[in-house]
Amino acid sequence: MNDTYQSDAAGALLSTQLPFPRRQGKVRDVYDLGDRLLIVSSDRISAFDYILPTGIPDKGRLLTAMSRFWFEQMDAGRIGQNIGSASTDNSGEPQSISHHLISTNVPEDVAAVVDPKPLEGRVMVTRKASVVPFECVVRGYLEGSGWKEYQATGEVCGVSLPAGLKQCDQLSEAIFTPATKADEGHDENVSYEVMSQSLGEEQSSQLRRMSLAIYQDASKIAAERGLLIADTKFEFGVVDGELMLIDEVLTPDSSRFWAADEYEPGHSQRSFDKQFVREYLQESDWDRNSPPPPLPESIAHQTADRYREGYERLVGKAFA
């Protein structure tokens, strides 16, 4: 048991060691089950390109629950059912957007060889995909790296924006701003033209349509629950020749969520994600060029509360 799951003093799950081929990311442990993947969301948290030694209790379960919520919205036809007349099948009917999720239950072949209890609520069983090597970023509001680039150039990833915009202003329409995927360090923002030169115009155009459609539909659902989705990033992959949504989707680790009733442009907003940790670290003595120190227990728990509040506002019920 101790060799399979490693937790910190607060009980946050930091690592898993299941008896299957593993690839470890900043937050997720991905296992190859042969004909499918098992994605385990740990409670790890990263900031400034470092994985922190302190976990955020239940973060992995909250991320998995939020991804499941959004995939269910897609299955129910509330997201991505009409991504434009250019995306049709042979019958001429508009295509919906497919995704890779099969189940969020612990598979029987995994439960047969390890204690499944620590995995419950934090796994996604998915189809295997050939990953598109770009992050598909959509921005509806001006914040983060987009705000910094706009201040310097008046553009975001080659998209010209009106002069005089303030931090966190809503854009007149959402923009698609891709980024290269980095195994280590920061992803790099690039223009759509760079993406198109790499992937070809047909696939790039389809990725842009799909990303904007998901964001626009998801933003309507979030607005019904008093939330703003400031920006988000999607990942796509190809399965049997079909382009589909993969990885996590519209979670606080991949998106900025703000409370609509607190929104006020001109400064940073309170968000339901790890921005709270970033701000703590920026004000600490840590130089951000060496292994980071543990987080105080109060910071870890307040961060967990932010994630939980975002989830509960979204789904309208308490997180179990």
C-alpha atoms as a PDB file:
ATOM      1  CA  MET A   1       0.000   0.000   0.000  1.00  0.00           C
ATOM      2  CA  ASN A   2       2.702   2.490   0.981  1.00  0.00           C
ATOM      3  CA  ASP A   3       4.647   1.618  -2.171  1.00  0.00           C
ATOM      4  CA  THR A   4       1.565   2.192  -4.326  1.00  0.00           C
ATOM      5  CA  TYR A   5       0.343   5.541  -2.992  1.00  0.00           C
ATOM      6  CA  GLN A   6       2.406   8.379  -1.539  1.00  0.00           C
ATOM      7  CA  SER A   7       0.608  11.087   0.443  1.00  0.00           C
ATOM      8  CA  ASP A   8       1.727  14.098   2.447  1.00  0.00           C
ATOM      9  CA  ALA A   9       1.001  14.777   6.114  1.00  0.00           C
ATOM     10  CA  ALA A  10      -2.382  16.335   5.285  1.00  0.00           C
ATOM     11  CA  GLY A  11      -3.456  13.263   3.328  1.00  0.00           C
ATOM     12  CA  ALA A  12      -3.091  14.805  -0.133  1.00  0.00           C
ATOM     13  CA  LEU A  13      -2.194  12.155  -2.721  1.00  0.00           C
ATOM     14  CA  LEU A  14       1.171  13.078  -4.240  1.00  0.00           C
ATOM     15  CA  SER A  15       2.032  10.043  -6.352  1.00  0.00           C
ATOM     16  CA  THR A  16       0.826   6.635  -7.478  1.00  0.00           C
ATOM     17  CA  GLN A  17       2.852   3.583  -8.475  1.00  0.00           C
ATOM     18  CA  LEU A  18       0.507   1.114 -10.142  1.00  0.00           C
ATOM     19  CA  PRO A  19       1.907  -2.050 -11.805  1.00  0.00           C
ATOM     20  CA  PHE A  20       1.374  -0.721 -15.348  1.00  0.00           C
ATOM     21  CA  PRO A  21       3.563   1.382 -17.677  1.00  0.00           C
ATOM     22  CA  ARG A  22       3.403   4.945 -16.368  1.00  0.00           C
ATOM     23  CA  ARG A  23       3.998   8.464 -17.645  1.00  0.00           C
ATOM     24  CA  GLN A  24       3.936  11.164 -14.983  1.00  0.00           C
ATOM     25  CA  GLY A  25       2.920  14.735 -15.662  1.00  0.00           C
ATOM     26  CA  LYS A  26       2.771  17.700 -13.324  1.00  0.00           C
ATOM     27  CA  VAL A  27      -0.574  16.596 -11.892  1.00  0.00           C
ATOM     28  CA  ARG A  28      -1.577  13.351 -13.592  1.00  0.00           C
ATOM     29  CA  ASP A  29      -0.160   9.847 -13.597  1.00  0.00           C
ATOM     30  CA  VAL A  30      -1.073   8.218 -16.920  1.00  0.00           C
ATOM     31  CA  TYR A  31      -1.049   4.403 -17.156  1.00  0.00           C
ATOM     32  CA  ASP A  32      -1.103   2.306 -20.308  1.00  0.00           C
ATOM     33  CA  LEU A  33      -3.682  -0.470 -19.927  1.00  0.00           C
ATOM     34  CA  GLY A  34      -3.101  -1.825 -23.403  1.00  0.00           C
ATOM     35  CA  ASP A  35      -6.238  -0.889 -25.304  1.00  0.00           C
ATOM     36  CA  ARG A  36      -6.967   2.227 -23.222  1.00  0.00           C
ATOM     37  CA  LEU A  37      -5.400   4.701 -20.797  1.00  0.00           C
ATOM     38  CA  LEU A  38      -5.960   5.201 -17.078  1.00  0.00           C
ATOM     39  CA  ILE A  39      -5.487   8.849 -16.072  1.00  0.00           C
ATOM     40  CA  VAL A  40      -5.094   9.373 -12.324  1.00  0.00           C
ATOM     41  CA  SER A  41      -5.435  12.951 -11.047  1.00  0.00           C
ATOM     42  CA  SER A  42      -3.188  13.424  -8.023  1.00  0.00           C
ATOM     43  CA  ASP A  43      -3.336  16.283  -5.547  1.00  0.00           C
ATOM     44  CA  ARG A  44      -0.041  17.720  -6.808  1.00  0.00           C
ATOM     45  CA  ILE A  45       0.080  21.410  -7.622  1.00  0.00           C
ATOM     46  CA  SER A  46       2.640  23.254  -9.715  1.00  0.00           C
ATOM     47  CA  ALA A  47       3.644  26.891  -9.852  1.00  0.00           C
ATOM     48  CA  PHE A  48       6.374  28.728 -11.742  1.00  0.00           C
ATOM     49  CA  ASP A  49       7.358  25.440 -13.453  1.00  0.00           C
ATOM     50  CA  TYR A  50       7.948  23.607 -10.159  1.00  0.00           C
ATOM     51  CA  ILE A  51       5.863  20.864  -8.587  1.00  0.00           C
ATOM     52  CA  LEU A  52       5.354  21.929  -4.980  1.00  0.00           C
ATOM     53  CA  PRO A  53       6.140  19.495  -2.160  1.00  0.00           C
ATOM     54  CA  THR A  54       2.731  20.161  -0.599  1.00  0.00           C
ATOM     55  CA  GLY A  55      -0.440  18.778  -2.144  1.00  0.00           C
ATOM     56  CA  ILE A  56      -3.926  20.313  -2.156  1.00  0.00           C
ATOM     57  CA  PRO A  57      -6.336  17.875  -0.451  1.00  0.00           C
ATOM     58  CA  ASP A  58      -8.963  16.449  -2.827  1.00  0.00           C
ATOM     59  CA  LYS A  59      -7.729  18.559  -5.753  1.00  0.00           C
ATOM     60  CA  GLY A  60      -7.486  15.518  -8.038  1.00  0.00           C
ATOM     61  CA  ARG A  61     -11.021  14.418  -7.246  1.00  0.00           C
ATOM     62  CA  LEU A  62     -12.347  17.930  -7.851  1.00  0.00           C
ATOM     63  CA  LEU A  63     -10.577  18.146 -11.223  1.00  0.00           C
ATOM     64  CA  THR A  64     -11.933  14.760 -12.269  1.00  0.00           C
ATOM     65  CA  ALA A  65     -15.463  15.656 -11.164  1.00  0.00           C
ATOM     66  CA  MET A  66     -15.374  18.910 -13.137  1.00  0.00           C
ATOM     67  CA  SER A  67     -14.073  17.215 -16.284  1.00  0.00           C
ATOM     68  CA  ARG A  68     -16.794  14.579 -15.942  1.00  0.00           C
ATOM     69  CA  PHE A  69     -19.420  17.325 -15.620  1.00  0.00           C
ATOM     70  CA  TRP A  70     -18.312  18.967 -18.869  1.00  0.00           C
ATOM     71  CA  PHE A  71     -17.993  15.688 -20.780  1.00  0.00           C
ATOM     72  CA  GLU A  72     -21.541  14.871 -19.652  1.00  0.00           C
ATOM     73  CA  GLN A  73     -22.700  18.245 -21.011  1.00  0.00           C
ATOM     74  CA  MET A  74     -21.196  17.258 -24.346  1.00  0.00           C
ATOM     75  CA  ASP A  75     -22.909  13.866 -24.257  1.00  0.00           C
ATOM     76  CA  ALA A  76     -26.210  15.571 -23.447  1.00  0.00           C
ATOM     77  CA  GLY A  77     -25.882  17.798 -26.520  1.00  0.00           C
ATOM     78  CA  ARG A  78     -25.402  21.076 -24.652  1.00  0.00           C
ATOM     79  CA  ILE A  79     -21.865  21.631 -25.938  1.00  0.00           C
ATOM     80  CA  GLY A  80     -20.447  21.521 -29.449  1.00  0.00           C
ATOM     81  CA  GLN A  81     -23.400  20.129 -31.354  1.00  0.00           C
ATOM     82  CA  ASN A  82     -23.050  22.638 -34.178  1.00  0.00           C
ATOM     83  CA  ILE A  83     -19.535  23.794 -34.880  1.00  0.00           C
ATOM     84  CA  GLY A  84     -20.213  25.442 -38.206  1.00  0.00           C
ATOM     85  CA  SER A  85     -21.394  24.503 -41.658  1.00  0.00           C
ATOM     86  CA  ALA A  86     -17.845  23.638 -42.714  1.00  0.00           C
ATOM     87  CA  SER A  87     -17.817  20.687 -40.299  1.00  0.00           C
ATOM     88  CA  THR A  88     -20.218  18.105 -41.703  1.00  0.00           C
ATOM     89  CA  ASP A  89     -20.330  14.379 -42.297  1.00  0.00           C
ATOM     90  CA  ASN A  90     -21.173  12.741 -45.646  1.00  0.00           C
ATOM     91  CA  SER A  91     -24.889  13.329 -45.080  1.00  0.00           C
ATOM     92  CA  GLY A  92     -24.333  17.071 -44.800  1.00  0.00           C
ATOM     93  CA  GLU A  93     -25.439  17.134 -41.162  1.00  0.00           C
ATOM     94  CA  PRO A  94     -23.404  19.251 -38.708  1.00  0.00           C
ATOM     95  CA  GLN A  95     -20.950  17.197 -36.698  1.00  0.00           C
ATOM     96  CA  SER A  96     -20.791  17.153 -32.926  1.00  0.00           C
ATOM     97  CA  ILE A  97     -17.535  17.065 -30.992  1.00  0.00           C
ATOM     98  CA  SER A  98     -16.322  13.714 -29.705  1.00  0.00           C
ATOM     99  CA  HIS A  99     -14.212  13.142 -26.602  1.00  0.00           C
ATOM    100  CA  HIS A 100     -11.976  10.417 -25.249  1.00  0.00           C
ATOM    101  CA  LEU A 101     -13.672   9.617 -21.916  1.00  0.00           C
ATOM    102  CA  ILE A 102     -14.931   6.060 -21.470  1.00  0.00           C
ATOM    103  CA  SER A 103     -15.533   5.873 -17.715  1.00  0.00           C
ATOM    104  CA  THR A 104     -14.615   7.407 -14.355  1.00  0.00           C
ATOM    105  CA  ASN A 105     -14.831   4.080 -12.528  1.00  0.00           C
ATOM    106  CA  VAL A 106     -11.742   2.176 -11.402  1.00  0.00           C
ATOM    107  CA  PRO A 107     -11.322  -0.657 -13.948  1.00  0.00           C
ATOM    108  CA  GLU A 108     -11.676  -4.222 -12.684  1.00  0.00           C
ATOM    109  CA  ASP A 109      -8.194  -5.182 -13.897  1.00  0.00           C
ATOM    110  CA  VAL A 110      -6.729  -2.339 -11.817  1.00  0.00           C
ATOM    111  CA  ALA A 111      -8.853  -3.048  -8.735  1.00  0.00           C
ATOM    112  CA  ALA A 112      -7.703  -6.674  -8.909  1.00  0.00           C
ATOM    113  CA  VAL A 113      -4.049  -5.772  -8.275  1.00  0.00           C
ATOM    114  CA  VAL A 114      -4.119  -2.652  -6.043  1.00  0.00           C
ATOM    115  CA  ASP A 115      -6.324  -1.170  -3.346  1.00  0.00           C
ATOM    116  CA  PRO A 116      -8.837   0.807  -5.446  1.00  0.00           C
ATOM    117  CA  LYS A 117     -10.097   3.084  -2.652  1.00  0.00           C
ATOM    118  CA  PRO A 118      -7.451   5.861  -3.043  1.00  0.00           C
ATOM    119  CA  LEU A 119      -8.257   5.937  -6.776  1.00  0.00           C
ATOM    120  CA  GLU A 120     -12.003   6.364  -6.430  1.00  0.00           C
ATOM    121  CA  GLY A 121     -13.219   9.685  -7.798  1.00  0.00           C
ATOM    122  CA  ARG A 122      -9.867  10.607  -9.353  1.00  0.00           C
ATOM    123  CA  VAL A 123      -9.566   8.384 -12.454  1.00  0.00           C
ATOM    124  CA  MET A 124     -10.569   8.683 -16.081  1.00  0.00           C
ATOM    125  CA  VAL A 125     -10.457   5.659 -18.367  1.00  0.00           C
ATOM    126  CA  THR A 126      -9.970   6.975 -21.882  1.00  0.00           C
ATOM    127  CA  ARG A 127      -9.381   6.004 -25.458  1.00  0.00           C
ATOM    128  CA  LYS A 128      -5.810   6.218 -26.717  1.00  0.00           C
ATOM    129  CA  ALA A 129      -5.141   9.163 -28.991  1.00  0.00           C
ATOM    130  CA  SER A 130      -2.348  10.585 -31.082  1.00  0.00           C
ATOM    131  CA  VAL A 131      -1.958  13.968 -29.375  1.00  0.00           C
ATOM    132  CA  VAL A 132      -2.029  17.181 -31.414  1.00  0.00           C
ATOM    133  CA  PRO A 133       1.156  19.063 -30.398  1.00  0.00           C
ATOM    134  CA  PHE A 134      -0.574  22.390 -29.708  1.00  0.00           C
ATOM    135  CA  GLU A 135      -2.619  23.748 -26.837  1.00  0.00           C
ATOM    136  CA  CYS A 136      -5.861  25.223 -28.153  1.00  0.00           C
ATOM    137  CA  VAL A 137      -6.353  28.351 -26.059  1.00  0.00           C
ATOM    138  CA  VAL A 138      -9.519  30.463 -26.157  1.00  0.00           C
ATOM    139  CA  ARG A 139      -9.694  33.862 -24.459  1.00  0.00           C
ATOM    140  CA  GLY A 140     -12.888  35.739 -23.722  1.00  0.00           C
ATOM    141  CA  TYR A 141     -11.288  38.193 -21.301  1.00  0.00           C
ATOM    142  CA  LEU A 142      -7.901  39.915 -21.229  1.00  0.00           C
ATOM    143  CA  GLU A 143      -5.774  38.458 -18.443  1.00  0.00           C
ATOM    144  CA  GLY A 144      -2.587  36.475 -17.781  1.00  0.00           C
ATOM    145  CA  SER A 145      -0.024  36.205 -20.558  1.00  0.00           C
ATOM    146  CA  GLY A 146      -2.544  37.722 -22.961  1.00  0.00           C
ATOM    147  CA  TRP A 147      -2.783  40.877 -20.862  1.00  0.00           C
ATOM    148  CA  LYS A 148       1.010  41.144 -20.672  1.00  0.00           C
ATOM    149  CA  GLU A 149       1.390  40.723 -24.434  1.00  0.00           C
ATOM    150  CA  TYR A 150      -1.384  43.228 -25.144  1.00  0.00           C
ATOM    151  CA  GLN A 151       0.328  45.838 -22.952  1.00  0.00           C
ATOM    152  CA  ALA A 152       3.543  45.399 -24.923  1.00  0.00           C
ATOM    153  CA  THR A 153       2.219  45.052 -28.476  1.00  0.00           C
ATOM    154  CA  GLY A 154      -1.526  45.701 -28.634  1.00  0.00           C
ATOM    155  CA  GLU A 155      -1.936  42.104 -29.848  1.00  0.00           C
ATOM    156  CA  VAL A 156      -2.377  38.618 -28.433  1.00  0.00           C
ATOM    157  CA  CYS A 157      -0.752  35.848 -30.470  1.00  0.00           C
ATOM    158  CA  GLY A 158      -0.974  37.921 -33.616  1.00  0.00           C
ATOM    159  CA  VAL A 159      -4.602  38.969 -33.021  1.00  0.00           C
ATOM    160  CA  SER A 160      -4.900  42.768 -32.982  1.00  0.00           C
ATOM    161  CA  LEU A 161      -7.127  44.166 -30.228  1.00  0.00           C
ATOM    162  CA  PRO A 162      -8.607  47.661 -29.749  1.00  0.00           C
ATOM    163  CA  ALA A 163      -6.525  50.236 -27.907  1.00  0.00           C
ATOM    164  CA  GLY A 164      -7.366  51.235 -24.362  1.00  0.00           C
ATOM    165  CA  LEU A 165      -8.482  47.884 -22.975  1.00  0.00           C
ATOM    166  CA  LYS A 166      -8.081  47.332 -19.238  1.00  0.00           C
ATOM    167  CA  GLN A 167      -6.900  44.259 -17.377  1.00  0.00           C
ATOM    168  CA  CYS A 168      -9.653  41.609 -17.331  1.00  0.00           C
ATOM    169  CA  ASP A 169     -11.815  43.475 -19.856  1.00  0.00           C
ATOM    170  CA  GLN A 170     -14.214  41.257 -21.777  1.00  0.00           C
ATOM    171  CA  LEU A 171     -13.309  41.009 -25.460  1.00  0.00           C
ATOM    172  CA  SER A 172     -15.924  41.827 -28.067  1.00  0.00           C
ATOM    173  CA  GLU A 173     -15.668  38.212 -29.185  1.00  0.00           C
ATOM    174  CA  ALA A 174     -13.606  35.263 -27.989  1.00  0.00           C
ATOM    175  CA  ILE A 175     -10.257  34.768 -29.733  1.00  0.00           C
ATOM    176  CA  PHE A 176      -8.318  31.596 -30.515  1.00  0.00           C
ATOM    177  CA  THR A 177      -4.664  31.836 -29.462  1.00  0.00           C
ATOM    178  CA  PRO A 178      -2.742  28.529 -29.744  1.00  0.00           C
ATOM    179  CA  ALA A 179       0.390  27.581 -27.854  1.00  0.00           C
ATOM    180  CA  THR A 180       3.052  24.956 -28.350  1.00  0.00           C
ATOM    181  CA  LYS A 181       2.989  22.065 -25.871  1.00  0.00           C
ATOM    182  CA  ALA A 182       6.027  21.861 -23.586  1.00  0.00           C
ATOM    183  CA  ASP A 183       6.944  18.752 -21.600  1.00  0.00           C
ATOM    184  CA  GLU A 184       8.925  20.991 -19.261  1.00  0.00           C
ATOM    185  CA  GLY A 185       8.731  24.720 -18.617  1.00  0.00           C
ATOM    186  CA  HIS A 186       6.230  27.091 -20.160  1.00  0.00           C
ATOM    187  CA  ASP A 187       4.089  26.512 -23.215  1.00  0.00           C
ATOM    188  CA  GLU A 188       4.873  29.163 -25.828  1.00  0.00           C
ATOM    189  CA  ASN A 189       2.128  31.343 -27.274  1.00  0.00           C
ATOM    190  CA  VAL A 190       2.163  31.366 -31.083  1.00  0.00           C
ATOM    191  CA  SER A 191       0.040  32.782 -33.866  1.00  0.00           C
ATOM    192  CA  TYR A 192      -2.594  30.804 -35.736  1.00  0.00           C
ATOM    193  CA  GLU A 193      -0.351  31.038 -38.806  1.00  0.00           C
ATOM    194  CA  VAL A 194       2.436  29.160 -36.992  1.00  0.00           C
ATOM    195  CA  MET A 195      -0.018  26.423 -36.071  1.00  0.00           C
ATOM    196  CA  SER A 196      -1.359  26.252 -39.618  1.00  0.00           C
ATOM    197  CA  GLN A 197       2.132  25.949 -41.079  1.00  0.00           C
ATOM    198  CA  SER A 198       2.808  23.012 -38.754  1.00  0.00           C
ATOM    199  CA  LEU A 199      -0.500  21.130 -38.919  1.00  0.00           C
ATOM    200  CA  GLY A 200      -1.972  22.313 -42.209  1.00  0.00           C
ATOM    201  CA  GLU A 201      -4.883  24.664 -42.744  1.00  0.00           C
ATOM    202  CA  GLU A 202      -7.616  21.981 -42.704  1.00  0.00           C
ATOM    203  CA  GLN A 203      -6.818  20.575 -39.259  1.00  0.00           C
ATOM    204  CA  SER A 204      -5.947  23.963 -37.800  1.00  0.00           C
ATOM    205  CA  SER A 205      -9.224  25.445 -38.961  1.00  0.00           C
ATOM    206  CA  GLN A 206     -11.138  22.515 -37.485  1.00  0.00           C
ATOM    207  CA  LEU A 207      -9.325  22.876 -34.155  1.00  0.00           C
ATOM    208  CA  ARG A 208     -10.170  26.585 -34.046  1.00  0.00           C
ATOM    209  CA  ARG A 209     -13.863  25.975 -34.823  1.00  0.00           C
ATOM    210  CA  MET A 210     -14.124  23.206 -32.245  1.00  0.00           C
ATOM    211  CA  SER A 211     -12.343  25.192 -29.535  1.00  0.00           C
ATOM    212  CA  LEU A 212     -14.452  28.312 -30.021  1.00  0.00           C
ATOM    213  CA  ALA A 213     -17.676  26.270 -30.106  1.00  0.00           C
ATOM    214  CA  ILE A 214     -16.848  24.469 -26.850  1.00  0.00           C
ATOM    215  CA  TYR A 215     -15.877  27.709 -25.126  1.00  0.00           C
ATOM    216  CA  GLN A 216     -18.958  29.584 -26.269  1.00  0.00           C
ATOM    217  CA  ASP A 217     -21.388  26.841 -25.242  1.00  0.00           C
ATOM    218  CA  ALA A 218     -19.598  26.206 -21.940  1.00  0.00           C
ATOM    219  CA  SER A 219     -19.596  29.929 -21.163  1.00  0.00           C
ATOM    220  CA  LYS A 220     -23.396  29.988 -21.479  1.00  0.00           C
ATOM    221  CA  ILE A 221     -23.702  27.053 -19.083  1.00  0.00           C
ATOM    222  CA  ALA A 222     -21.308  28.676 -16.612  1.00  0.00           C
ATOM    223  CA  ALA A 223     -23.150  32.007 -16.841  1.00  0.00           C
ATOM    224  CA  GLU A 224     -26.382  30.262 -15.812  1.00  0.00           C
ATOM    225  CA  ARG A 225     -24.520  29.358 -12.608  1.00  0.00           C
ATOM    226  CA  GLY A 226     -23.035  32.788 -11.963  1.00  0.00           C
ATOM    227  CA  LEU A 227     -19.559  31.993 -13.302  1.00  0.00           C
ATOM    228  CA  LEU A 228     -17.399  33.620 -15.974  1.00  0.00           C
ATOM    229  CA  ILE A 229     -14.883  31.535 -17.916  1.00  0.00           C
ATOM    230  CA  ALA A 230     -12.173  34.078 -18.626  1.00  0.00           C
ATOM    231  CA  ASP A 231     -10.035  31.776 -20.729  1.00  0.00           C
ATOM    232  CA  THR A 232      -9.292  28.099 -21.152  1.00  0.00           C
ATOM    233  CA  LYS A 233      -7.070  25.664 -22.980  1.00  0.00           C
ATOM    234  CA  PHE A 234      -8.104  22.450 -24.711  1.00  0.00           C
ATOM    235  CA  GLU A 235      -6.127  19.479 -25.921  1.00  0.00           C
ATOM    236  CA  PHE A 236      -7.110  17.389 -28.903  1.00  0.00           C
ATOM    237  CA  GLY A 237      -6.008  14.057 -30.273  1.00  0.00           C
ATOM    238  CA  VAL A 238      -6.760  11.782 -33.202  1.00  0.00           C
ATOM    239  CA  VAL A 239      -8.429   8.395 -32.647  1.00  0.00           C
ATOM    240  CA  ASP A 240      -9.080   6.190 -35.694  1.00  0.00           C
ATOM    241  CA  GLY A 241      -8.771   9.249 -37.922  1.00  0.00           C
ATOM    242  CA  GLU A 242     -11.211  11.322 -35.849  1.00  0.00           C
ATOM    243  CA  LEU A 243     -10.216  14.547 -34.115  1.00  0.00           C
ATOM    244  CA  MET A 244     -11.546  14.595 -30.547  1.00  0.00           C
ATOM    245  CA  LEU A 245     -11.246  16.407 -27.237  1.00  0.00           C
ATOM    246  CA  ILE A 246      -8.843  14.742 -24.796  1.00  0.00           C
ATOM    247  CA  ASP A 247      -7.233  15.300 -21.370  1.00  0.00           C
ATOM    248  CA  GLU A 248      -9.035  17.396 -18.757  1.00  0.00           C
ATOM    249  CA  VAL A 249     -11.584  19.968 -19.854  1.00  0.00           C
ATOM    250  CA  LEU A 250     -12.662  23.301 -18.344  1.00  0.00           C
ATOM    251  CA  THR A 251     -11.170  22.713 -14.894  1.00  0.00           C
ATOM    252  CA  PRO A 252      -9.497  25.289 -12.628  1.00  0.00           C
ATOM    253  CA  ASP A 253      -6.136  23.876 -13.750  1.00  0.00           C
ATOM    254  CA  SER A 254      -6.869  24.617 -17.405  1.00  0.00           C
ATOM    255  CA  SER A 255      -9.178  27.643 -17.119  1.00  0.00           C
ATOM    256  CA  ARG A 256      -9.794  30.855 -15.217  1.00  0.00           C
ATOM    257  CA  PHE A 257     -13.169  30.923 -13.461  1.00  0.00           C
ATOM    258  CA  TRP A 258     -14.472  34.134 -11.883  1.00  0.00           C
ATOM    259  CA  ALA A 259     -17.638  34.921  -9.959  1.00  0.00           C
ATOM    260  CA  ALA A 260     -19.917  37.023 -12.155  1.00  0.00           C
ATOM    261  CA  ASP A 261     -21.241  39.029  -9.204  1.00  0.00           C
ATOM    262  CA  GLU A 262     -17.698  40.039  -8.202  1.00  0.00           C
ATOM    263  CA  TYR A 263     -16.424  40.857 -11.691  1.00  0.00           C
ATOM    264  CA  GLU A 264     -14.837  44.297 -12.031  1.00  0.00           C
ATOM    265  CA  PRO A 265     -12.369  44.987 -14.852  1.00  0.00           C
ATOM    266  CA  GLY A 266      -9.258  47.037 -14.268  1.00  0.00           C
ATOM    267  CA  HIS A 267      -7.496  44.658 -11.887  1.00  0.00           C
ATOM    268  CA  SER A 268      -7.021  40.947 -11.247  1.00  0.00           C
ATOM    269  CA  GLN A 269     -10.089  38.969 -10.142  1.00  0.00           C
ATOM    270  CA  ARG A 270     -10.624  36.451  -7.360  1.00  0.00           C
ATOM    271  CA  SER A 271     -10.418  33.114  -9.125  1.00  0.00           C
ATOM    272  CA  PHE A 272     -11.259  29.519  -8.288  1.00  0.00           C
ATOM    273  CA  ASP A 273      -7.851  28.064  -9.058  1.00  0.00           C
ATOM    274  CA  LYS A 274      -4.205  28.091  -7.972  1.00  0.00           C
ATOM    275  CA  GLN A 275      -3.742  31.827  -8.423  1.00  0.00           C
ATOM    276  CA  PHE A 276      -4.001  32.031  -4.637  1.00  0.00           C
ATOM    277  CA  VAL A 277      -0.861  29.858  -4.387  1.00  0.00           C
ATOM    278  CA  ARG A 278       0.998  31.889  -7.021  1.00  0.00           C
ATOM    279  CA  GLU A 279       0.288  35.108  -5.128  1.00  0.00           C
ATOM    280  CA  TYR A 280       1.471  33.578  -1.853  1.00  0.00           C
ATOM    281  CA  LEU A 281       4.710  32.405  -3.457  1.00  0.00           C
ATOM    282  CA  GLN A 282       5.310  35.770  -5.128  1.00  0.00           C
ATOM    283  CA  GLU A 283       5.122  37.462  -1.739  1.00  0.00           C
ATOM    284  CA  SER A 284       7.307  34.845  -0.009  1.00  0.00           C
ATOM    285  CA  ASP A 285      11.095  34.745   0.225  1.00  0.00           C
ATOM    286  CA  TRP A 286      11.359  31.924  -2.324  1.00  0.00           C
ATOM    287  CA  ASP A 287      13.584  32.928  -5.263  1.00  0.00           C
ATOM    288  CA  ARG A 288      11.649  30.798  -7.829  1.00  0.00           C
ATOM    289  CA  ASN A 289      14.962  29.403  -9.099  1.00  0.00           C
ATOM    290  CA  SER A 290      15.388  26.619  -6.543  1.00  0.00           C
ATOM    291  CA  PRO A 291      13.200  23.817  -5.187  1.00  0.00           C
ATOM    292  CA  PRO A 292      10.140  25.438  -3.600  1.00  0.00           C
ATOM    293  CA  PRO A 293       9.404  25.253   0.131  1.00  0.00           C
ATOM    294  CA  PRO A 294       6.349  23.467   1.550  1.00  0.00           C
ATOM    295  CA  LEU A 295       3.138  25.481   1.649  1.00  0.00           C
ATOM    296  CA  PRO A 296       1.736  26.424   5.050  1.00  0.00           C
ATOM    297  CA  GLU A 297      -1.228  24.245   5.968  1.00  0.00           C
ATOM    298  CA  SER A 298      -3.524  27.282   5.924  1.00  0.00           C
ATOM    299  CA  ILE A 299      -2.554  28.129   2.321  1.00  0.00           C
ATOM    300  CA  ALA A 300      -3.098  24.548   1.160  1.00  0.00           C
ATOM    301  CA  HIS A 301      -6.541  24.402   2.748  1.00  0.00           C
ATOM    302  CA  GLN A 302      -7.593  27.829   1.487  1.00  0.00           C
ATOM    303  CA  THR A 303      -6.552  26.758  -2.016  1.00  0.00           C
ATOM    304  CA  ALA A 304      -8.607  23.578  -1.656  1.00  0.00           C
ATOM    305  CA  ASP A 305     -11.550  25.756  -0.627  1.00  0.00           C
ATOM    306  CA  ARG A 306     -11.182  27.799  -3.849  1.00  0.00           C
ATOM    307  CA  TYR A 307     -11.284  24.665  -6.007  1.00  0.00           C
ATOM    308  CA  ARG A 308     -14.248  23.313  -4.052  1.00  0.00           C
ATOM    309  CA  GLU A 309     -16.192  26.575  -4.288  1.00  0.00           C
ATOM    310  CA  GLY A 310     -15.736  26.688  -8.057  1.00  0.00           C
ATOM    311  CA  TYR A 311     -16.983  23.119  -8.418  1.00  0.00           C
ATOM    312  CA  GLU A 312     -19.989  23.641  -6.156  1.00  0.00           C
ATOM    313  CA  ARG A 313     -21.028  26.840  -7.928  1.00  0.00           C
ATOM    314  CA  LEU A 314     -20.794  25.028 -11.242  1.00  0.00           C
ATOM    315  CA  VAL A 315     -22.707  21.846 -10.432  1.00  0.00           C
ATOM    316  CA  GLY A 316     -25.054  23.329  -7.830  1.00  0.00           C
ATOM    317  CA  LYS A 317     -24.368  20.802  -5.099  1.00  0.00           C
ATOM    318  CA  ALA A 318     -21.855  20.127  -2.345  1.00  0.00           C
ATOM    319  CA  PHE A 319     -18.700  18.200  -3.153  1.00  0.00           C
ATOM    320  CA  ALA A 320     -18.780  14.837  -1.414  1.00  0.00           C
END
